[in-house]
Amino acid sequence: MLHYSVMFFVIALIAALFGFGGIAAGAAGIAKILFLLFLVMAMVSFLIDLLRR
């Protein structure tokens, strides 16, 4: 999940560099969503691991 987030962020940076604003905004939005999803899943996993011990 984090890998895909970083990939979309890199795509957004490259698109912004070449002046493709719409594509850059879309890729940055997807990267934000994937990163937040990664954070939520990591926290849930961490809490479940603490509760099992």
C-alpha atoms as a PDB file:
ATOM      1  CA  MET A   1       0.000   0.000   0.000  1.00  0.00           C
ATOM      2  CA  LEU A   2       2.769   2.419   0.910  1.00  0.00           C
ATOM      3  CA  HIS A   3       4.587   1.460  -2.281  1.00  0.00           C
ATOM      4  CA  TYR A   4       1.606   2.479  -4.427  1.00  0.00           C
ATOM      5  CA  SER A   5       1.256   5.720  -2.518  1.00  0.00           C
ATOM      6  CA  VAL A   6       4.889   6.607  -3.228  1.00  0.00           C
ATOM      7  CA  MET A   7       4.471   5.629  -6.894  1.00  0.00           C
ATOM      8  CA  PHE A   8       1.483   7.951  -7.339  1.00  0.00           C
ATOM      9  CA  PHE A   9       3.373  10.731  -5.564  1.00  0.00           C
ATOM     10  CA  VAL A  10       6.282  10.343  -7.975  1.00  0.00           C
ATOM     11  CA  ILE A  11       3.863  10.336 -10.911  1.00  0.00           C
ATOM     12  CA  ALA A  12       2.313  13.548  -9.550  1.00  0.00           C
ATOM     13  CA  LEU A  13       5.735  15.183  -9.259  1.00  0.00           C
ATOM     14  CA  ILE A  14       6.736  14.215 -12.791  1.00  0.00           C
ATOM     15  CA  ALA A  15       3.392  15.345 -14.218  1.00  0.00           C
ATOM     16  CA  ALA A  16       3.681  18.677 -12.394  1.00  0.00           C
ATOM     17  CA  LEU A  17       7.208  19.115 -13.706  1.00  0.00           C
ATOM     18  CA  PHE A  18       5.989  18.747 -17.281  1.00  0.00           C
ATOM     19  CA  GLY A  19       2.971  20.998 -16.722  1.00  0.00           C
ATOM     20  CA  PHE A  20       0.145  18.458 -16.648  1.00  0.00           C
ATOM     21  CA  GLY A  21      -1.799  20.040 -13.770  1.00  0.00           C
ATOM     22  CA  GLY A  22      -4.900  17.850 -13.949  1.00  0.00           C
ATOM     23  CA  ILE A  23      -2.976  14.608 -13.975  1.00  0.00           C
ATOM     24  CA  ALA A  24      -0.708  15.825 -11.187  1.00  0.00           C
ATOM     25  CA  ALA A  25      -3.673  16.789  -9.003  1.00  0.00           C
ATOM     26  CA  GLY A  26      -5.357  13.435  -9.610  1.00  0.00           C
ATOM     27  CA  ALA A  27      -2.241  11.433  -8.837  1.00  0.00           C
ATOM     28  CA  ALA A  28      -1.570  13.503  -5.713  1.00  0.00           C
ATOM     29  CA  GLY A  29      -5.138  12.906  -4.537  1.00  0.00           C
ATOM     30  CA  ILE A  30      -4.803   9.159  -5.037  1.00  0.00           C
ATOM     31  CA  ALA A  31      -1.459   9.189  -3.219  1.00  0.00           C
ATOM     32  CA  LYS A  32      -3.037  10.983  -0.237  1.00  0.00           C
ATOM     33  CA  ILE A  33      -5.901   8.505  -0.033  1.00  0.00           C
ATOM     34  CA  LEU A  34      -3.591   5.487  -0.252  1.00  0.00           C
ATOM     35  CA  PHE A  35      -1.248   6.919   2.377  1.00  0.00           C
ATOM     36  CA  LEU A  36      -4.114   7.589   4.802  1.00  0.00           C
ATOM     37  CA  LEU A  37      -5.444   4.088   4.186  1.00  0.00           C
ATOM     38  CA  PHE A  38      -1.965   2.709   4.906  1.00  0.00           C
ATOM     39  CA  LEU A  39      -1.791   4.655   8.184  1.00  0.00           C
ATOM     40  CA  VAL A  40      -5.209   3.430   9.317  1.00  0.00           C
ATOM     41  CA  MET A  41      -4.390  -0.178   8.477  1.00  0.00           C
ATOM     42  CA  ALA A  42      -1.013   0.058  10.249  1.00  0.00           C
ATOM     43  CA  MET A  43      -2.617   1.469  13.403  1.00  0.00           C
ATOM     44  CA  VAL A  44      -5.341  -1.201  13.418  1.00  0.00           C
ATOM     45  CA  SER A  45      -2.724  -3.902  12.964  1.00  0.00           C
ATOM     46  CA  PHE A  46      -0.649  -2.444  15.793  1.00  0.00           C
ATOM     47  CA  LEU A  47      -3.649  -2.289  18.144  1.00  0.00           C
ATOM     48  CA  ILE A  48      -4.730  -5.838  17.331  1.00  0.00           C
ATOM     49  CA  ASP A  49      -1.209  -7.055  18.013  1.00  0.00           C
ATOM     50  CA  LEU A  50      -1.211  -5.298  21.402  1.00  0.00           C
ATOM     51  CA  LEU A  51      -4.588  -6.792  22.347  1.00  0.00           C
ATOM     52  CA  ARG A  52      -3.528 -10.356  21.474  1.00  0.00           C
ATOM     53  CA  ARG A  53      -0.572 -10.280  23.881  1.00  0.00           C
END
